[in-house]
Amino acid sequence: MQLNNINKKCKKCTHSCKQLASQTILFCRMFERIKKKKTKVVDLIERPQETASVVV
């Protein structure tokens, strides 16, 4: 998964992509936490309930 592409979607998401919005926004929040805390990928793997909604 390319974080940069998803990060762009976070900023550019409009009403026309509302179907993606809920998933994208969830990932955006996760992505922001990763940037702030500099979380390692291992930490995401340990929290499958957060990553699962992104994978779907």
PDB file of N, CA and C in Angstrom:
ATOM      1  N   MET A   1       0.840  -1.200   0.000  1.00  0.00           N
ATOM      2  CA  MET A   1       0.000   0.000   0.000  1.00  0.00           C
ATOM      3  C   MET A   1       0.877   1.252   0.000  1.00  0.00           C
ATOM      4  N   GLN A   2       0.546   2.191  -0.857  1.00  0.00           N
ATOM      5  CA  GLN A   2       1.356   3.410  -0.951  1.00  0.00           C
ATOM      6  C   GLN A   2       0.731   4.502  -0.102  1.00  0.00           C
ATOM      7  N   LEU A   3       1.438   4.883   0.948  1.00  0.00           N
ATOM      8  CA  LEU A   3       0.891   5.871   1.883  1.00  0.00           C
ATOM      9  C   LEU A   3       0.705   7.228   1.224  1.00  0.00           C
ATOM     10  N   ASN A   4       1.606   7.596   0.320  1.00  0.00           N
ATOM     11  CA  ASN A   4       1.512   8.910  -0.314  1.00  0.00           C
ATOM     12  C   ASN A   4       0.221   9.071  -1.099  1.00  0.00           C
ATOM     13  N   ASN A   5      -0.144   8.047  -1.864  1.00  0.00           N
ATOM     14  CA  ASN A   5      -1.377   8.123  -2.642  1.00  0.00           C
ATOM     15  C   ASN A   5      -2.586   8.298  -1.743  1.00  0.00           C
ATOM     16  N   ILE A   6      -2.633   7.532  -0.668  1.00  0.00           N
ATOM     17  CA  ILE A   6      -3.776   7.608   0.244  1.00  0.00           C
ATOM     18  C   ILE A   6      -3.785   8.955   0.953  1.00  0.00           C
ATOM     19  N   ASN A   7      -2.615   9.462   1.279  1.00  0.00           N
ATOM     20  CA  ASN A   7      -2.542  10.759   1.942  1.00  0.00           C
ATOM     21  C   ASN A   7      -3.088  11.853   1.033  1.00  0.00           C
ATOM     22  N   LYS A   8      -2.830  11.759  -0.264  1.00  0.00           N
ATOM     23  CA  LYS A   8      -3.378  12.737  -1.207  1.00  0.00           C
ATOM     24  C   LYS A   8      -4.893  12.643  -1.246  1.00  0.00           C
ATOM     25  N   LYS A   9      -5.411  11.410  -1.248  1.00  0.00           N
ATOM     26  CA  LYS A   9      -6.865  11.226  -1.261  1.00  0.00           C
ATOM     27  C   LYS A   9      -7.487  11.864  -0.031  1.00  0.00           C
ATOM     28  N   CYS A  10      -6.810  11.774   1.105  1.00  0.00           N
ATOM     29  CA  CYS A  10      -7.335  12.345   2.340  1.00  0.00           C
ATOM     30  C   CYS A  10      -7.630  13.821   2.138  1.00  0.00           C
ATOM     31  N   LYS A  11      -6.702  14.512   1.494  1.00  0.00           N
ATOM     32  CA  LYS A  11      -6.825  15.958   1.360  1.00  0.00           C
ATOM     33  C   LYS A  11      -7.787  16.336   0.242  1.00  0.00           C
ATOM     34  N   LYS A  12      -7.891  15.486  -0.793  1.00  0.00           N
ATOM     35  CA  LYS A  12      -8.679  15.855  -1.964  1.00  0.00           C
ATOM     36  C   LYS A  12     -10.062  15.222  -1.990  1.00  0.00           C
ATOM     37  N   CYS A  13     -10.394  14.427  -0.973  1.00  0.00           N
ATOM     38  CA  CYS A  13     -11.661  13.704  -1.007  1.00  0.00           C
ATOM     39  C   CYS A  13     -12.838  14.673  -1.049  1.00  0.00           C
ATOM     40  N   THR A  14     -13.768  14.442  -1.989  1.00  0.00           N
ATOM     41  CA  THR A  14     -14.944  15.302  -2.158  1.00  0.00           C
ATOM     42  C   THR A  14     -16.205  14.472  -2.001  1.00  0.00           C
ATOM     43  N   HIS A  15     -17.361  15.117  -2.146  1.00  0.00           N
ATOM     44  CA  HIS A  15     -18.640  14.418  -2.001  1.00  0.00           C
ATOM     45  C   HIS A  15     -18.779  13.304  -3.033  1.00  0.00           C
ATOM     46  N   SER A  16     -18.140  13.455  -4.177  1.00  0.00           N
ATOM     47  CA  SER A  16     -18.276  12.461  -5.241  1.00  0.00           C
ATOM     48  C   SER A  16     -17.609  11.137  -4.899  1.00  0.00           C
ATOM     49  N   CYS A  17     -16.751  11.129  -3.892  1.00  0.00           N
ATOM     50  CA  CYS A  17     -16.083   9.873  -3.524  1.00  0.00           C
ATOM     51  C   CYS A  17     -16.469   9.447  -2.117  1.00  0.00           C
ATOM     52  N   LYS A  18     -17.710   9.721  -1.744  1.00  0.00           N
ATOM     53  CA  LYS A  18     -18.144   9.398  -0.381  1.00  0.00           C
ATOM     54  C   LYS A  18     -18.067   7.918  -0.074  1.00  0.00           C
ATOM     55  N   GLN A  19     -18.216   7.063  -1.089  1.00  0.00           N
ATOM     56  CA  GLN A  19     -18.116   5.626  -0.832  1.00  0.00           C
ATOM     57  C   GLN A  19     -16.740   5.290  -0.280  1.00  0.00           C
ATOM     58  N   LEU A  20     -15.715   5.924  -0.833  1.00  0.00           N
ATOM     59  CA  LEU A  20     -14.362   5.696  -0.345  1.00  0.00           C
ATOM     60  C   LEU A  20     -14.085   6.479   0.926  1.00  0.00           C
ATOM     61  N   ALA A  21     -14.855   7.525   1.146  1.00  0.00           N
ATOM     62  CA  ALA A  21     -14.537   8.471   2.210  1.00  0.00           C
ATOM     63  C   ALA A  21     -14.393   7.807   3.576  1.00  0.00           C
ATOM     64  N   SER A  22     -15.345   6.942   3.931  1.00  0.00           N
ATOM     65  CA  SER A  22     -15.288   6.363   5.279  1.00  0.00           C
ATOM     66  C   SER A  22     -14.021   5.554   5.473  1.00  0.00           C
ATOM     67  N   GLN A  23     -13.659   4.747   4.484  1.00  0.00           N
ATOM     68  CA  GLN A  23     -12.421   3.970   4.580  1.00  0.00           C
ATOM     69  C   GLN A  23     -11.214   4.897   4.562  1.00  0.00           C
ATOM     70  N   THR A  24     -11.240   5.864   3.630  1.00  0.00           N
ATOM     71  CA  THR A  24     -10.094   6.749   3.469  1.00  0.00           C
ATOM     72  C   THR A  24      -9.871   7.584   4.717  1.00  0.00           C
ATOM     73  N   ILE A  25     -10.939   8.142   5.254  1.00  0.00           N
ATOM     74  CA  ILE A  25     -10.822   8.975   6.454  1.00  0.00           C
ATOM     75  C   ILE A  25     -10.275   8.163   7.612  1.00  0.00           C
ATOM     76  N   LEU A  26     -10.750   6.923   7.745  1.00  0.00           N
ATOM     77  CA  LEU A  26     -10.244   6.064   8.814  1.00  0.00           C
ATOM     78  C   LEU A  26      -8.742   5.885   8.649  1.00  0.00           C
ATOM     79  N   PHE A  27      -8.328   5.638   7.401  1.00  0.00           N
ATOM     80  CA  PHE A  27      -6.904   5.449   7.170  1.00  0.00           C
ATOM     81  C   PHE A  27      -6.146   6.751   7.383  1.00  0.00           C
ATOM     82  N   CYS A  28      -6.765   7.865   7.018  1.00  0.00           N
ATOM     83  CA  CYS A  28      -6.138   9.170   7.229  1.00  0.00           C
ATOM     84  C   CYS A  28      -5.809   9.364   8.706  1.00  0.00           C
ATOM     85  N   ARG A  29      -6.783   9.044   9.549  1.00  0.00           N
ATOM     86  CA  ARG A  29      -6.568   9.207  10.983  1.00  0.00           C
ATOM     87  C   ARG A  29      -5.434   8.318  11.451  1.00  0.00           C
ATOM     88  N   MET A  30      -5.421   7.094  10.925  1.00  0.00           N
ATOM     89  CA  MET A  30      -4.349   6.184  11.285  1.00  0.00           C
ATOM     90  C   MET A  30      -3.019   6.733  10.783  1.00  0.00           C
ATOM     91  N   PHE A  31      -3.047   7.247   9.551  1.00  0.00           N
ATOM     92  CA  PHE A  31      -1.836   7.778   8.927  1.00  0.00           C
ATOM     93  C   PHE A  31      -1.311   8.972   9.721  1.00  0.00           C
ATOM     94  N   GLU A  32      -2.214   9.829  10.173  1.00  0.00           N
ATOM     95  CA  GLU A  32      -1.799  10.979  10.982  1.00  0.00           C
ATOM     96  C   GLU A  32      -1.151  10.510  12.278  1.00  0.00           C
ATOM     97  N   ARG A  33      -1.728   9.482  12.914  1.00  0.00           N
ATOM     98  CA  ARG A  33      -1.125   8.957  14.139  1.00  0.00           C
ATOM     99  C   ARG A  33       0.259   8.402  13.848  1.00  0.00           C
ATOM    100  N   ILE A  34       0.389   7.725  12.698  1.00  0.00           N
ATOM    101  CA  ILE A  34       1.684   7.148  12.343  1.00  0.00           C
ATOM    102  C   ILE A  34       2.703   8.269  12.193  1.00  0.00           C
ATOM    103  N   LYS A  35       2.292   9.358  11.512  1.00  0.00           N
ATOM    104  CA  LYS A  35       3.221  10.464  11.302  1.00  0.00           C
ATOM    105  C   LYS A  35       3.590  11.127  12.628  1.00  0.00           C
ATOM    106  N   LYS A  36       2.588  11.332  13.483  1.00  0.00           N
ATOM    107  CA  LYS A  36       2.844  12.017  14.749  1.00  0.00           C
ATOM    108  C   LYS A  36       3.710  11.178  15.677  1.00  0.00           C
ATOM    109  N   LYS A  37       3.344   9.914  15.812  1.00  0.00           N
ATOM    110  CA  LYS A  37       4.060   9.053  16.748  1.00  0.00           C
ATOM    111  C   LYS A  37       5.230   8.332  16.096  1.00  0.00           C
ATOM    112  N   LYS A  38       5.306   8.431  14.751  1.00  0.00           N
ATOM    113  CA  LYS A  38       6.317   7.684  13.998  1.00  0.00           C
ATOM    114  C   LYS A  38       6.214   6.198  14.326  1.00  0.00           C
ATOM    115  N   THR A  39       4.963   5.739  14.296  1.00  0.00           N
ATOM    116  CA  THR A  39       4.673   4.338  14.589  1.00  0.00           C
ATOM    117  C   THR A  39       5.340   3.440  13.563  1.00  0.00           C
ATOM    118  N   LYS A  40       5.815   2.309  14.024  1.00  0.00           N
ATOM    119  CA  LYS A  40       6.406   1.343  13.106  1.00  0.00           C
ATOM    120  C   LYS A  40       5.327   0.391  12.601  1.00  0.00           C
ATOM    121  N   VAL A  41       5.578  -0.198  11.445  1.00  0.00           N
ATOM    122  CA  VAL A  41       4.601  -1.099  10.841  1.00  0.00           C
ATOM    123  C   VAL A  41       4.245  -2.235  11.793  1.00  0.00           C
ATOM    124  N   VAL A  42       5.194  -2.665  12.586  1.00  0.00           N
ATOM    125  CA  VAL A  42       4.955  -3.745  13.541  1.00  0.00           C
ATOM    126  C   VAL A  42       3.793  -3.396  14.472  1.00  0.00           C
ATOM    127  N   ASP A  43       3.704  -2.129  14.872  1.00  0.00           N
ATOM    128  CA  ASP A  43       2.628  -1.717  15.769  1.00  0.00           C
ATOM    129  C   ASP A  43       1.268  -1.864  15.098  1.00  0.00           C
ATOM    130  N   LEU A  44       1.206  -1.619  13.769  1.00  0.00           N
ATOM    131  CA  LEU A  44      -0.056  -1.773  13.049  1.00  0.00           C
ATOM    132  C   LEU A  44      -0.450  -3.239  12.969  1.00  0.00           C
ATOM    133  N   ILE A  45       0.522  -4.097  12.762  1.00  0.00           N
ATOM    134  CA  ILE A  45       0.251  -5.528  12.660  1.00  0.00           C
ATOM    135  C   ILE A  45      -0.318  -6.049  13.983  1.00  0.00           C
ATOM    136  N   GLU A  46       0.103  -5.460  15.087  1.00  0.00           N
ATOM    137  CA  GLU A  46      -0.381  -5.890  16.395  1.00  0.00           C
ATOM    138  C   GLU A  46      -1.803  -5.395  16.666  1.00  0.00           C
ATOM    139  N   ARG A  47      -2.324  -4.522  15.808  1.00  0.00           N
ATOM    140  CA  ARG A  47      -3.692  -4.026  15.986  1.00  0.00           C
ATOM    141  C   ARG A  47      -4.524  -4.351  14.755  1.00  0.00           C
ATOM    142  N   PRO A  48      -4.858  -5.612  14.535  1.00  0.00           N
ATOM    143  CA  PRO A  48      -5.563  -6.010  13.311  1.00  0.00           C
ATOM    144  C   PRO A  48      -6.939  -5.370  13.164  1.00  0.00           C
ATOM    145  N   GLN A  49      -7.592  -5.025  14.264  1.00  0.00           N
ATOM    146  CA  GLN A  49      -8.917  -4.433  14.152  1.00  0.00           C
ATOM    147  C   GLN A  49      -8.862  -3.065  13.465  1.00  0.00           C
ATOM    148  N   GLU A  50      -7.734  -2.364  13.551  1.00  0.00           N
ATOM    149  CA  GLU A  50      -7.613  -1.076  12.860  1.00  0.00           C
ATOM    150  C   GLU A  50      -7.243  -1.263  11.403  1.00  0.00           C
ATOM    151  N   THR A  51      -6.303  -2.172  11.143  1.00  0.00           N
ATOM    152  CA  THR A  51      -5.833  -2.350   9.776  1.00  0.00           C
ATOM    153  C   THR A  51      -6.858  -3.095   8.925  1.00  0.00           C
ATOM    154  N   ALA A  52      -7.669  -3.944   9.545  1.00  0.00           N
ATOM    155  CA  ALA A  52      -8.624  -4.755   8.788  1.00  0.00           C
ATOM    156  C   ALA A  52      -9.582  -3.880   7.996  1.00  0.00           C
ATOM    157  N   SER A  53     -10.079  -2.805   8.588  1.00  0.00           N
ATOM    158  CA  SER A  53     -11.036  -1.952   7.894  1.00  0.00           C
ATOM    159  C   SER A  53     -10.390  -1.241   6.712  1.00  0.00           C
ATOM    160  N   VAL A  54      -9.089  -1.049   6.761  1.00  0.00           N
ATOM    161  CA  VAL A  54      -8.383  -0.423   5.640  1.00  0.00           C
ATOM    162  C   VAL A  54      -8.203  -1.423   4.508  1.00  0.00           C
ATOM    163  N   VAL A  55      -7.871  -2.648   4.860  1.00  0.00           N
ATOM    164  CA  VAL A  55      -7.631  -3.681   3.847  1.00  0.00           C
ATOM    165  C   VAL A  55      -8.891  -3.979   3.060  1.00  0.00           C
ATOM    166  N   VAL A  56     -10.034  -3.983   3.732  1.00  0.00           N
ATOM    167  CA  VAL A  56     -11.310  -4.242   3.047  1.00  0.00           C
ATOM    168  C   VAL A  56     -11.521  -3.144   2.033  1.00  0.00           C
TER     169      VAL A  56
END
